[in-house]
C-alpha cells in the first residue's frame, strides 16, 4: 500500500512495523517519504526492503527516515 491514509490507518491499529518493498514493487523516493511521514507519531517502525544491496540504496532509505532495512540478495556471510 502506498496510500498514506491507508498506512496511517494500519499504524493506528497497532502494527509493530511496516515494510515498504522497493525490490518487487515500484516505489519512488516520494512514495517512501509519504509512507514514512504517515507513520510518524505512531509506534509502527518503518522498514524499507531495498531494491538491491548497493550502498546508495541504504543511504537513500535511511535519509528518507527508515528505521531499518531489509536487504535482498545476501548469498553468503562474508
N, C-alpha and C. Protein backbone atom coordinates (compact mmCIF):
# COMPACT_ATOMS: atom_id res chain seq x y z
N UNK A 1 0.83 -1.18 0.00
CA UNK A 1 0.00 0.00 0.00
C UNK A 1 0.88 1.24 0.00
N UNK A 2 0.57 2.14 -0.90
CA UNK A 2 1.33 3.39 -0.93
C UNK A 2 0.47 4.58 -0.55
N UNK A 3 -0.81 4.36 -0.29
CA UNK A 3 -1.69 5.46 0.10
C UNK A 3 -1.40 5.83 1.55
N UNK A 4 -0.94 7.06 1.80
CA UNK A 4 -0.58 7.43 3.17
C UNK A 4 -1.74 7.33 4.16
N UNK A 5 -2.97 7.55 3.70
CA UNK A 5 -4.12 7.44 4.60
C UNK A 5 -4.32 6.00 5.04
N UNK A 6 -4.15 5.06 4.12
CA UNK A 6 -4.28 3.65 4.46
C UNK A 6 -3.16 3.22 5.41
N UNK A 7 -1.95 3.70 5.15
CA UNK A 7 -0.80 3.37 6.00
C UNK A 7 -1.03 3.91 7.41
N UNK A 8 -1.51 5.14 7.49
CA UNK A 8 -1.79 5.75 8.79
C UNK A 8 -2.85 4.96 9.55
N UNK A 9 -3.88 4.51 8.86
CA UNK A 9 -4.93 3.71 9.49
C UNK A 9 -4.38 2.39 10.00
N UNK A 10 -3.52 1.76 9.22
CA UNK A 10 -2.93 0.49 9.64
C UNK A 10 -2.03 0.69 10.86
N UNK A 11 -1.30 1.80 10.89
CA UNK A 11 -0.44 2.09 12.04
C UNK A 11 -1.28 2.31 13.30
N UNK A 12 -2.44 2.92 13.13
CA UNK A 12 -3.33 3.18 14.27
C UNK A 12 -3.85 1.88 14.88
N UNK A 13 -3.90 0.82 14.08
CA UNK A 13 -4.35 -0.49 14.57
C UNK A 13 -3.32 -1.08 15.53
N UNK A 14 -2.05 -0.68 15.37
CA UNK A 14 -1.03 -1.14 16.31
C UNK A 14 0.03 -2.06 15.73
N UNK A 15 0.23 -2.03 14.42
CA UNK A 15 1.29 -2.84 13.84
C UNK A 15 2.64 -2.44 14.43
N UNK A 16 3.50 -3.42 14.69
CA UNK A 16 4.84 -3.14 15.23
C UNK A 16 5.74 -2.50 14.18
N UNK A 17 5.59 -2.95 12.92
CA UNK A 17 6.44 -2.44 11.85
C UNK A 17 5.67 -2.40 10.54
N UNK A 18 6.17 -1.63 9.61
CA UNK A 18 5.58 -1.52 8.27
C UNK A 18 6.73 -1.57 7.28
N UNK A 19 6.68 -2.50 6.35
CA UNK A 19 7.75 -2.64 5.36
C UNK A 19 7.28 -2.11 4.01
N UNK A 20 8.13 -1.31 3.40
CA UNK A 20 7.90 -0.82 2.05
C UNK A 20 8.83 -1.62 1.14
N UNK A 21 8.28 -2.35 0.21
CA UNK A 21 9.06 -3.22 -0.67
C UNK A 21 9.43 -2.46 -1.94
N UNK A 22 10.71 -2.13 -2.07
CA UNK A 22 11.17 -1.47 -3.30
C UNK A 22 11.86 -2.45 -4.24
N UNK A 23 11.99 -3.71 -3.80
CA UNK A 23 12.59 -4.71 -4.68
C UNK A 23 11.57 -5.25 -5.67
N UNK A 24 10.37 -5.59 -5.20
CA UNK A 24 9.37 -6.23 -6.05
C UNK A 24 8.25 -5.29 -6.50
N UNK A 25 8.17 -4.13 -5.90
CA UNK A 25 7.11 -3.18 -6.24
C UNK A 25 7.73 -1.81 -6.50
N UNK A 26 7.27 -1.14 -7.52
CA UNK A 26 7.84 0.19 -7.79
C UNK A 26 7.41 1.19 -6.72
N UNK A 27 8.38 1.78 -6.09
CA UNK A 27 8.12 2.83 -5.10
C UNK A 27 9.19 3.89 -5.28
N UNK A 28 8.76 5.10 -5.49
CA UNK A 28 9.70 6.21 -5.66
C UNK A 28 10.12 6.74 -4.30
N UNK A 29 11.12 7.58 -4.30
CA UNK A 29 11.54 8.23 -3.06
C UNK A 29 10.39 9.03 -2.47
N UNK A 30 9.60 9.64 -3.34
CA UNK A 30 8.44 10.40 -2.88
C UNK A 30 7.43 9.49 -2.18
N UNK A 31 7.17 8.31 -2.75
CA UNK A 31 6.26 7.34 -2.13
C UNK A 31 6.76 6.94 -0.75
N UNK A 32 8.05 6.64 -0.67
CA UNK A 32 8.64 6.20 0.59
C UNK A 32 8.53 7.29 1.64
N UNK A 33 8.84 8.52 1.25
CA UNK A 33 8.76 9.64 2.18
C UNK A 33 7.34 9.82 2.69
N UNK A 34 6.35 9.72 1.81
CA UNK A 34 4.95 9.87 2.22
C UNK A 34 4.52 8.77 3.18
N UNK A 35 4.97 7.55 2.92
CA UNK A 35 4.63 6.43 3.80
C UNK A 35 5.26 6.62 5.18
N UNK A 36 6.53 6.97 5.20
CA UNK A 36 7.22 7.18 6.48
C UNK A 36 6.60 8.34 7.23
N UNK A 37 6.24 9.39 6.52
CA UNK A 37 5.58 10.54 7.16
C UNK A 37 4.24 10.13 7.77
N UNK A 38 3.52 9.25 7.10
CA UNK A 38 2.23 8.79 7.61
C UNK A 38 2.39 7.98 8.89
N UNK A 39 3.55 7.38 9.09
CA UNK A 39 3.80 6.57 10.28
C UNK A 39 4.27 7.40 11.47
N UNK A 40 4.65 8.65 11.23
CA UNK A 40 5.14 9.50 12.32
C UNK A 40 4.05 9.66 13.37
N UNK A 41 4.46 9.63 14.62
CA UNK A 41 3.51 9.77 15.71
C UNK A 41 2.91 8.45 16.16
N UNK A 42 3.20 7.39 15.42
CA UNK A 42 2.73 6.06 15.82
C UNK A 42 3.92 5.27 16.35
N UNK A 43 3.63 4.10 16.89
CA UNK A 43 4.70 3.22 17.37
C UNK A 43 5.17 2.26 16.28
N UNK A 44 4.61 2.38 15.08
CA UNK A 44 4.95 1.49 13.98
C UNK A 44 6.31 1.90 13.38
N UNK A 45 7.22 0.96 13.32
CA UNK A 45 8.57 1.21 12.81
C UNK A 45 8.60 1.06 11.29
N UNK A 46 9.06 2.09 10.57
CA UNK A 46 9.15 1.98 9.11
C UNK A 46 10.42 1.24 8.67
N UNK A 47 10.22 0.19 7.89
CA UNK A 47 11.32 -0.59 7.32
C UNK A 47 11.24 -0.49 5.79
N UNK A 48 12.38 -0.52 5.15
CA UNK A 48 12.43 -0.49 3.68
C UNK A 48 13.13 -1.75 3.21
N UNK A 49 12.46 -2.50 2.33
CA UNK A 49 13.13 -3.61 1.66
C UNK A 49 13.81 -3.00 0.44
N UNK A 50 15.13 -3.03 0.45
CA UNK A 50 15.91 -2.38 -0.60
C UNK A 50 15.77 -3.09 -1.94
N UNK A 51 15.92 -2.34 -3.03
CA UNK A 51 15.82 -2.96 -4.35
C UNK A 51 17.05 -3.80 -4.67
N UNK A 52 18.18 -3.50 -4.04
CA UNK A 52 19.38 -4.32 -4.13
C UNK A 52 20.28 -3.95 -2.97
N UNK A 53 21.44 -4.57 -2.89
CA UNK A 53 22.30 -4.32 -1.74
C UNK A 53 23.44 -3.35 -2.04
N UNK A 54 23.20 -2.40 -2.92
CA UNK A 54 24.18 -1.36 -3.22
C UNK A 54 24.16 -0.30 -2.11
N UNK A 55 25.32 0.26 -1.76
CA UNK A 55 25.39 1.27 -0.69
C UNK A 55 24.45 2.45 -0.89
N UNK A 56 24.24 2.87 -2.12
CA UNK A 56 23.36 4.00 -2.38
C UNK A 56 21.94 3.72 -1.90
N UNK A 57 21.47 2.50 -2.06
CA UNK A 57 20.11 2.14 -1.63
C UNK A 57 19.97 2.29 -0.12
N UNK A 58 21.00 1.89 0.62
CA UNK A 58 20.99 2.05 2.08
C UNK A 58 20.88 3.53 2.44
N UNK A 59 21.71 4.33 1.80
CA UNK A 59 21.75 5.77 2.11
C UNK A 59 20.42 6.44 1.83
N UNK A 60 19.82 6.15 0.70
CA UNK A 60 18.54 6.77 0.35
C UNK A 60 17.46 6.38 1.36
N UNK A 61 17.36 5.08 1.66
CA UNK A 61 16.33 4.61 2.60
C UNK A 61 16.49 5.27 3.97
N UNK A 62 17.70 5.32 4.46
CA UNK A 62 17.93 5.90 5.79
C UNK A 62 17.74 7.41 5.77
N UNK A 63 18.15 8.06 4.70
CA UNK A 63 17.94 9.51 4.58
C UNK A 63 16.46 9.87 4.54
N UNK A 64 15.64 8.98 4.00
CA UNK A 64 14.20 9.23 3.92
C UNK A 64 13.49 8.96 5.25
N UNK A 65 14.21 8.37 6.21
CA UNK A 65 13.63 8.17 7.53
C UNK A 65 13.36 6.73 7.94
N UNK A 66 13.78 5.78 7.13
CA UNK A 66 13.60 4.38 7.51
C UNK A 66 14.37 4.11 8.81
N UNK A 67 13.78 3.33 9.68
CA UNK A 67 14.45 2.97 10.93
C UNK A 67 15.15 1.63 10.82
N UNK A 68 15.00 1.00 9.67
CA UNK A 68 15.67 -0.27 9.42
C UNK A 68 15.51 -0.64 7.96
N UNK A 69 16.34 -1.56 7.50
CA UNK A 69 16.27 -2.02 6.12
C UNK A 69 16.24 -3.53 6.07
N UNK A 70 15.60 -4.05 5.04
CA UNK A 70 15.61 -5.47 4.73
C UNK A 70 16.43 -5.60 3.46
N UNK A 71 17.49 -6.37 3.53
CA UNK A 71 18.47 -6.41 2.45
C UNK A 71 18.28 -7.68 1.62
N UNK A 72 18.02 -7.53 0.31
CA UNK A 72 17.86 -8.69 -0.57
C UNK A 72 19.21 -9.17 -1.08
N UNK A 73 19.18 -10.34 -1.66
CA UNK A 73 20.31 -10.91 -2.40
C UNK A 73 21.58 -11.09 -1.55
N UNK A 74 21.40 -11.51 -0.31
CA UNK A 74 22.54 -11.86 0.52
C UNK A 74 22.80 -13.35 0.29
N UNK A 75 23.94 -13.66 -0.26
CA UNK A 75 24.22 -15.04 -0.65
C UNK A 75 25.27 -15.72 0.23
N UNK A 76 25.96 -14.95 1.05
CA UNK A 76 26.93 -15.55 1.95
C UNK A 76 27.14 -14.59 3.11
N UNK A 77 27.88 -15.01 4.10
CA UNK A 77 28.09 -14.18 5.28
C UNK A 77 29.36 -13.37 5.19
N UNK A 78 30.10 -13.47 4.14
CA UNK A 78 31.38 -12.77 4.03
C UNK A 78 31.32 -11.66 3.11
